[in-house]
Amino acid sequence: MSELCGRERTERAEELLLLPWACKSKDSKGRKRPEGECSVRTCFQRDVDRIVHSRAFRRLKRKTQVFLQPEGDHYRTRLTHTLEVTRIARTIARNLGLNEDLTEAAALGHDLGHTPFGHAGERALNRIMPDGFSHNVQSLRVVDKLEKEGDGLNLTYEVRRGILCHTGGDKAETLEGQILWFADRIAYINHDIEDAMRGGIIYPMDIPIQLREQLGYKKSQRIDTLVRDVIETSRKEGRLCQSREVGEAMQELRSFLFAMVYHNPQAKGEEGKAEAMLHRLFEWYLKDPDQLPADFQDIRYEEGAERAVCDYIAGMTDAYAIEKYEELFIPRAWAVK
């Protein structure tokens, strides 16, 4: 048997198998709070486990992806979206000789800060908070502070940057972190179209024929085309990118999705109610912050009541937000005992 521990064997394998521009585990910039090394797992593998075992990760299963409380078992939730992004990201990383563990950790954590009711909840909190609200920034706050009773998960610098930079104008320093921008879009564009078709919002023939011919007629074909293009073009160009033709086609498909689904009154008619619900909950807790759970009282005294209320509401699942709203604002039936 080798005298090397499991972590050391993995780190040695990374030196042999990963390409020079990949981020090796042993080269990580480390954590905010230094920790001793694990004998079994690399630093990025530990981050994967910390995220998967977190409370915020478990809550994703009851948070909206696109459709609010859809009837049926096969619509995506924020959790299934996260898993699909992770698989796409790992495929790209593997084929480009990059670090799959780092990619996986960033992918699993990228939406931990997402609100209940999807982007409707994000819009509500963005209007309320003086400095705005972005789910990627909140995801970083979840792993840095909110998990583990205020201690955070103490993730590595590279994973934290991948989480923060998966959307918006900032770019992660590692190629593994940059993959998230592509994987997230490839996943949600295609699975949101599939869910919209399942819900009768759009039909296969609604997708422009030139896009079907170029990217594929089925979801699996489109994902395959987009993933292969990122891999092949990145190899050719020596940087993480898409070809101009396929990149433009993906943007057109995304625009189609926004026009036909995200801005469709039939699909999004209930979002105004969700936003109003969160706004009223926010006002109620801000008026009486003593009613916040004990976990958020330290945040209240350190960073203010607005910040504490925002963190509490952003972490709610759809069902819990509705439950609290009913508890606070809906009259209960009177019963004779």
Protein backbone atom coordinates (compact mmCIF):
# COMPACT_ATOMS: atom_id res chain seq x y z
CA MET A 1 0.00 0.00 0.00
CA SER A 2 1.11 3.55 -0.73
CA GLU A 3 2.42 5.54 2.23
CA LEU A 4 0.70 8.64 0.85
CA CYS A 5 -2.61 9.63 2.40
CA GLY A 6 -5.72 9.92 0.24
CA ARG A 7 -5.40 13.67 -0.17
CA GLU A 8 -1.77 13.43 -1.20
CA ARG A 9 -2.56 10.75 -3.77
CA THR A 10 -5.28 12.95 -5.25
CA GLU A 11 -2.97 15.96 -5.34
CA ARG A 12 -0.31 13.89 -7.09
CA ALA A 13 -2.92 12.64 -9.58
CA GLU A 14 -3.90 16.25 -10.29
CA GLU A 15 -0.29 17.06 -11.17
CA LEU A 16 -0.27 14.19 -13.66
CA LEU A 17 -3.74 14.52 -15.16
CA LEU A 18 -4.71 18.20 -15.07
CA LEU A 19 -3.42 20.65 -17.64
CA PRO A 20 -0.99 23.41 -16.61
CA TRP A 21 -3.66 26.12 -16.50
CA ALA A 22 -5.95 24.13 -14.21
CA CYS A 23 -6.21 25.12 -10.54
CA LYS A 24 -4.60 22.35 -8.49
CA SER A 25 -5.85 21.76 -4.98
CA LYS A 26 -2.42 22.26 -3.44
CA ASP A 27 -2.21 25.70 -5.08
CA SER A 28 -5.40 27.05 -3.54
CA LYS A 29 -5.17 30.49 -1.96
CA GLY A 30 -6.75 28.92 1.09
CA ARG A 31 -9.52 29.90 3.47
CA LYS A 32 -10.29 33.06 5.41
CA ARG A 33 -9.68 31.11 8.61
CA PRO A 34 -6.72 28.77 8.18
CA GLU A 35 -7.40 25.09 8.89
CA GLY A 36 -5.31 21.97 9.02
CA GLU A 37 -5.35 19.71 5.97
CA CYS A 38 -7.64 16.70 5.79
CA SER A 39 -5.84 13.38 5.26
CA VAL A 40 -8.65 12.01 3.06
CA ARG A 41 -9.95 14.90 0.96
CA THR A 42 -8.45 17.82 -0.90
CA CYS A 43 -9.55 21.34 0.03
CA PHE A 44 -12.03 21.49 -2.86
CA GLN A 45 -13.49 18.07 -2.03
CA ARG A 46 -14.06 19.29 1.52
CA ASP A 47 -15.90 22.32 0.12
CA VAL A 48 -18.19 20.04 -1.90
CA ASP A 49 -19.10 18.14 1.27
CA ARG A 50 -19.63 21.29 3.32
CA ILE A 51 -22.06 22.68 0.75
CA VAL A 52 -24.00 19.44 0.29
CA HIS A 53 -24.40 19.04 4.06
CA SER A 54 -25.51 22.64 4.60
CA ARG A 55 -29.02 23.69 5.53
CA ALA A 56 -29.18 26.17 2.65
CA PHE A 57 -28.51 23.38 0.16
CA ARG A 58 -31.34 21.26 1.55
CA ARG A 59 -33.75 24.18 1.29
CA LEU A 60 -33.19 24.45 -2.45
CA LYS A 61 -35.53 21.51 -3.01
CA ARG A 62 -38.47 23.71 -1.96
CA LYS A 63 -37.55 26.88 -3.82
CA THR A 64 -38.96 27.89 -7.20
CA GLN A 65 -36.89 27.65 -10.34
CA VAL A 66 -39.36 29.27 -12.79
CA PHE A 67 -42.93 28.16 -12.13
CA LEU A 68 -44.49 28.98 -8.76
CA GLN A 69 -45.73 25.83 -7.00
CA PRO A 70 -46.35 23.84 -10.18
CA GLU A 71 -48.65 20.83 -10.04
CA GLY A 72 -46.62 17.77 -10.96
CA ASP A 73 -43.44 16.02 -9.90
CA HIS A 74 -41.30 16.76 -12.94
CA TYR A 75 -40.90 20.53 -12.90
CA ARG A 76 -37.51 21.84 -11.85
CA THR A 77 -36.80 23.27 -8.45
CA ARG A 78 -33.78 25.33 -7.51
CA LEU A 79 -32.15 22.09 -6.32
CA THR A 80 -32.63 20.13 -9.54
CA HIS A 81 -31.40 23.16 -11.47
CA THR A 82 -28.26 23.17 -9.32
CA LEU A 83 -27.64 19.49 -9.98
CA GLU A 84 -28.04 19.93 -13.74
CA VAL A 85 -25.64 22.87 -13.73
CA THR A 86 -23.15 20.78 -11.77
CA ARG A 87 -23.21 17.91 -14.26
CA ILE A 88 -22.76 20.22 -17.24
CA ALA A 89 -19.94 22.09 -15.50
CA ARG A 90 -18.09 18.90 -14.60
CA THR A 91 -18.34 17.59 -18.17
CA ILE A 92 -16.76 20.77 -19.50
CA ALA A 93 -14.06 20.76 -16.82
CA ARG A 94 -13.18 17.11 -17.40
CA ASN A 95 -12.80 17.52 -21.14
CA LEU A 96 -10.66 20.63 -20.76
CA GLY A 97 -8.32 19.03 -18.23
CA LEU A 98 -9.51 21.27 -15.40
CA ASN A 99 -10.21 20.55 -11.74
CA GLU A 100 -13.61 18.86 -11.48
CA ASP A 101 -13.75 19.13 -7.68
CA LEU A 102 -13.35 22.90 -7.73
CA THR A 103 -15.90 23.16 -10.53
CA GLU A 104 -18.36 20.95 -8.66
CA ALA A 105 -18.09 22.90 -5.42
CA ALA A 106 -18.72 26.25 -7.11
CA ALA A 107 -21.65 24.81 -9.09
CA LEU A 108 -23.29 23.26 -6.04
CA GLY A 109 -23.02 26.54 -4.13
CA HIS A 110 -23.90 29.02 -6.85
CA ASP A 111 -27.60 29.46 -5.96
CA LEU A 112 -27.55 28.95 -2.18
CA GLY A 113 -28.62 32.56 -1.69
CA HIS A 114 -31.57 32.45 -4.05
CA THR A 115 -34.87 33.72 -2.68
CA PRO A 116 -38.22 31.97 -2.43
CA PHE A 117 -40.32 32.29 -5.59
CA GLY A 118 -37.29 32.51 -7.88
CA HIS A 119 -36.47 35.81 -9.54
CA ALA A 120 -39.77 37.30 -8.34
CA GLY A 121 -38.40 37.10 -4.81
CA GLU A 122 -35.09 38.52 -5.94
CA ARG A 123 -36.84 41.49 -7.56
CA ALA A 124 -38.83 42.15 -4.39
CA LEU A 125 -35.76 42.24 -2.14
CA ASN A 126 -33.81 44.25 -4.71
CA ARG A 127 -36.46 46.98 -4.55
CA ILE A 128 -36.61 46.95 -0.75
CA MET A 129 -32.94 46.88 0.19
CA PRO A 130 -31.19 50.29 -0.03
CA ASP A 131 -28.12 48.77 -1.70
CA GLY A 132 -30.11 46.31 -3.79
CA PHE A 133 -30.09 42.53 -3.70
CA SER A 134 -28.43 39.97 -5.97
CA HIS A 135 -28.70 36.24 -5.42
CA ASN A 136 -25.03 35.62 -6.28
CA VAL A 137 -23.89 38.10 -3.62
CA GLN A 138 -26.33 36.53 -1.17
CA SER A 139 -25.00 33.07 -2.03
CA LEU A 140 -21.54 34.21 -1.00
CA ARG A 141 -22.99 35.67 2.21
CA VAL A 142 -24.65 32.32 2.96
CA VAL A 143 -21.37 30.40 2.78
CA ASP A 144 -19.32 33.13 4.45
CA LYS A 145 -21.60 34.00 7.36
CA LEU A 146 -25.10 32.58 7.57
CA GLU A 147 -24.36 28.87 7.69
CA LYS A 148 -23.23 27.09 10.86
CA GLU A 149 -24.83 29.60 13.23
CA GLY A 150 -22.86 32.55 11.94
CA ASP A 151 -19.50 30.85 11.44
CA GLY A 152 -20.05 30.19 7.73
CA LEU A 153 -18.60 27.25 5.82
CA ASN A 154 -15.13 28.78 5.51
CA LEU A 155 -14.75 27.73 1.88
CA THR A 156 -11.65 28.20 -0.22
CA TYR A 157 -11.06 31.44 -2.08
CA GLU A 158 -11.47 29.81 -5.50
CA VAL A 159 -14.85 28.26 -4.70
CA ARG A 160 -16.12 31.51 -3.19
CA ARG A 161 -15.12 33.42 -6.31
CA GLY A 162 -16.80 30.86 -8.55
CA ILE A 163 -20.04 31.26 -6.58
CA LEU A 164 -19.93 35.07 -6.66
CA CYS A 165 -18.97 35.39 -10.34
CA HIS A 166 -21.38 32.91 -11.92
CA THR A 167 -23.48 35.87 -13.07
CA GLY A 168 -22.82 39.58 -13.48
CA GLY A 169 -19.81 41.41 -14.84
CA ASP A 170 -17.13 40.10 -12.47
CA LYS A 171 -15.03 37.17 -13.71
CA ALA A 172 -13.54 34.43 -11.57
CA GLU A 173 -9.76 34.11 -11.73
CA THR A 174 -9.84 30.35 -12.34
CA LEU A 175 -11.12 28.70 -15.51
CA GLU A 176 -13.06 26.33 -13.27
CA GLY A 177 -14.95 29.29 -11.84
CA GLN A 178 -15.54 30.76 -15.28
CA ILE A 179 -17.21 27.55 -16.46
CA LEU A 180 -20.17 28.35 -14.20
CA TRP A 181 -21.26 31.24 -16.43
CA PHE A 182 -21.64 28.87 -19.38
CA ALA A 183 -23.02 25.88 -17.46
CA ASP A 184 -25.68 27.93 -15.68
CA ARG A 185 -27.01 29.39 -18.93
CA ILE A 186 -26.88 26.14 -20.85
CA ALA A 187 -28.84 24.45 -18.07
CA TYR A 188 -31.57 26.99 -17.38
CA ILE A 189 -32.24 27.94 -21.00
CA ASN A 190 -32.91 24.34 -21.92
CA HIS A 191 -34.66 23.04 -18.84
CA ASP A 192 -36.86 26.12 -18.54
CA ILE A 193 -37.96 25.60 -22.15
CA GLU A 194 -38.75 21.96 -21.36
CA ASP A 195 -40.76 22.94 -18.26
CA ALA A 196 -42.63 25.59 -20.28
CA MET A 197 -43.53 22.94 -22.86
CA ARG A 198 -44.71 20.60 -20.11
CA GLY A 199 -46.93 23.38 -18.82
CA GLY A 200 -48.38 24.16 -22.24
CA ILE A 201 -46.88 27.65 -22.31
CA ILE A 202 -44.97 26.98 -25.53
CA TYR A 203 -44.72 24.14 -28.03
CA PRO A 204 -41.73 22.64 -29.88
CA MET A 205 -42.67 24.36 -33.13
CA ASP A 206 -42.57 27.76 -31.40
CA ILE A 207 -38.78 27.64 -31.26
CA PRO A 208 -37.50 29.38 -34.44
CA ILE A 209 -36.62 26.81 -37.09
CA GLN A 210 -33.11 28.17 -37.61
CA LEU A 211 -32.34 27.62 -33.92
CA ARG A 212 -33.72 24.09 -33.99
CA GLU A 213 -31.65 23.29 -37.05
CA GLN A 214 -28.49 24.80 -35.57
CA LEU A 215 -28.72 23.67 -31.94
CA GLY A 216 -31.02 20.65 -32.04
CA TYR A 217 -34.67 19.71 -32.00
CA LYS A 218 -34.62 18.18 -28.52
CA LYS A 219 -33.33 19.43 -25.17
CA SER A 220 -30.63 16.75 -25.03
CA GLN A 221 -29.45 17.65 -28.54
CA ARG A 222 -29.25 21.36 -27.71
CA ILE A 223 -27.32 20.75 -24.50
CA ASP A 224 -24.93 18.42 -26.34
CA THR A 225 -24.36 21.01 -29.07
CA LEU A 226 -23.71 23.82 -26.59
CA VAL A 227 -21.42 21.80 -24.31
CA ARG A 228 -19.40 20.40 -27.22
CA ASP A 229 -19.00 23.88 -28.67
CA VAL A 230 -17.60 25.27 -25.40
CA ILE A 231 -15.13 22.36 -25.18
CA GLU A 232 -14.00 22.43 -28.81
CA THR A 233 -13.80 26.21 -29.16
CA SER A 234 -11.96 26.61 -25.86
CA ARG A 235 -9.38 24.05 -26.95
CA LYS A 236 -8.91 25.84 -30.27
CA GLU A 237 -8.78 29.38 -28.84
CA GLY A 238 -6.79 28.58 -25.70
CA ARG A 239 -9.35 30.32 -23.51
CA LEU A 240 -12.79 29.49 -22.17
CA CYS A 241 -15.29 30.59 -24.83
CA GLN A 242 -17.96 29.66 -27.36
CA SER A 243 -17.80 29.95 -31.10
CA ARG A 244 -19.38 33.13 -32.44
CA GLU A 245 -22.10 31.25 -34.33
CA VAL A 246 -23.20 29.02 -31.46
CA GLY A 247 -22.86 31.79 -28.90
CA GLU A 248 -25.16 34.01 -30.95
CA ALA A 249 -27.64 31.13 -31.38
CA MET A 250 -27.68 30.53 -27.62
CA GLN A 251 -28.34 34.23 -27.01
CA GLU A 252 -31.22 34.13 -29.50
CA LEU A 253 -32.65 31.08 -27.73
CA ARG A 254 -32.34 32.91 -24.41
CA SER A 255 -34.15 35.94 -25.88
CA PHE A 256 -36.89 33.61 -27.11
CA LEU A 257 -37.18 32.19 -23.60
CA PHE A 258 -37.53 35.64 -22.06
CA ALA A 259 -40.14 36.76 -24.56
CA MET A 260 -42.24 33.59 -24.55
CA VAL A 261 -41.86 32.35 -20.96
CA TYR A 262 -40.28 34.77 -18.47
CA HIS A 263 -42.50 37.64 -19.65
CA ASN A 264 -45.54 35.48 -20.39
CA PRO A 265 -48.58 36.52 -18.28
CA GLN A 266 -49.86 32.94 -18.24
CA ALA A 267 -46.59 31.62 -16.81
CA LYS A 268 -45.81 34.57 -14.58
CA GLY A 269 -49.24 35.88 -13.60
CA GLU A 270 -48.83 34.93 -9.94
CA GLU A 271 -45.43 36.53 -9.45
CA GLY A 272 -46.89 39.89 -8.48
CA LYS A 273 -48.66 38.20 -5.58
CA ALA A 274 -45.41 36.55 -4.48
CA GLU A 275 -43.56 39.86 -4.57
CA ALA A 276 -46.31 41.57 -2.58
CA MET A 277 -46.24 38.75 -0.03
CA LEU A 278 -42.50 39.09 0.56
CA HIS A 279 -42.77 42.88 0.72
CA ARG A 280 -45.42 42.64 3.44
CA LEU A 281 -43.43 40.06 5.38
CA PHE A 282 -40.39 42.33 5.21
CA GLU A 283 -42.33 45.31 6.52
CA TRP A 284 -43.80 43.26 9.38
CA TYR A 285 -40.47 41.90 10.60
CA LEU A 286 -38.76 45.27 10.16
CA LYS A 287 -41.43 46.87 12.33
CA ASP A 288 -41.02 44.20 15.02
CA PRO A 289 -37.54 42.62 14.62
CA ASP A 290 -37.86 40.96 18.04
CA GLN A 291 -39.97 38.38 16.19
CA LEU A 292 -37.00 37.27 14.08
CA PRO A 293 -35.61 33.84 15.02
CA ALA A 294 -32.70 33.79 17.45
CA ASP A 295 -30.28 32.95 14.61
CA PHE A 296 -30.80 36.42 13.16
CA GLN A 297 -30.66 38.54 16.30
CA ASP A 298 -26.87 38.83 16.24
CA ILE A 299 -27.04 40.03 12.63
CA ARG A 300 -29.68 42.56 13.69
CA TYR A 301 -27.40 44.07 16.34
CA GLU A 302 -24.23 43.88 14.25
CA GLU A 303 -25.55 44.95 10.82
CA GLY A 304 -29.02 46.36 11.41
CA ALA A 305 -32.58 45.09 11.27
CA GLU A 306 -32.91 45.49 7.50
CA ARG A 307 -29.99 43.16 6.89
CA ALA A 308 -31.30 40.59 9.36
CA VAL A 309 -34.80 40.62 7.86
CA CYS A 310 -33.39 40.33 4.34
CA ASP A 311 -31.27 37.32 5.31
CA TYR A 312 -34.25 35.65 6.98
CA ILE A 313 -36.64 36.14 4.07
CA ALA A 314 -34.06 35.27 1.41
CA GLY A 315 -33.46 31.95 3.13
CA MET A 316 -37.14 30.98 3.24
CA THR A 317 -38.53 28.25 1.04
CA ASP A 318 -41.68 28.99 -0.95
CA ALA A 319 -43.80 26.90 1.42
CA TYR A 320 -42.34 28.47 4.57
CA ALA A 321 -42.90 32.01 3.24
CA ILE A 322 -46.56 31.17 2.56
CA GLU A 323 -46.87 29.55 5.98
CA LYS A 324 -45.50 32.64 7.75
CA TYR A 325 -47.72 34.92 5.68
CA GLU A 326 -50.82 32.91 6.57
CA GLU A 327 -49.79 32.83 10.22
CA LEU A 328 -49.33 36.60 10.38
CA PHE A 329 -51.99 37.98 8.04
CA ILE A 330 -54.73 35.43 7.33
CA PRO A 331 -57.50 35.16 9.96
CA ARG A 332 -57.87 31.77 11.51
CA ALA A 333 -61.26 30.07 11.76
CA TRP A 334 -62.82 30.40 15.18
CA ALA A 335 -63.74 27.12 16.80
CA VAL A 336 -65.69 26.37 19.98
CA LYS A 337 -63.71 24.18 22.37
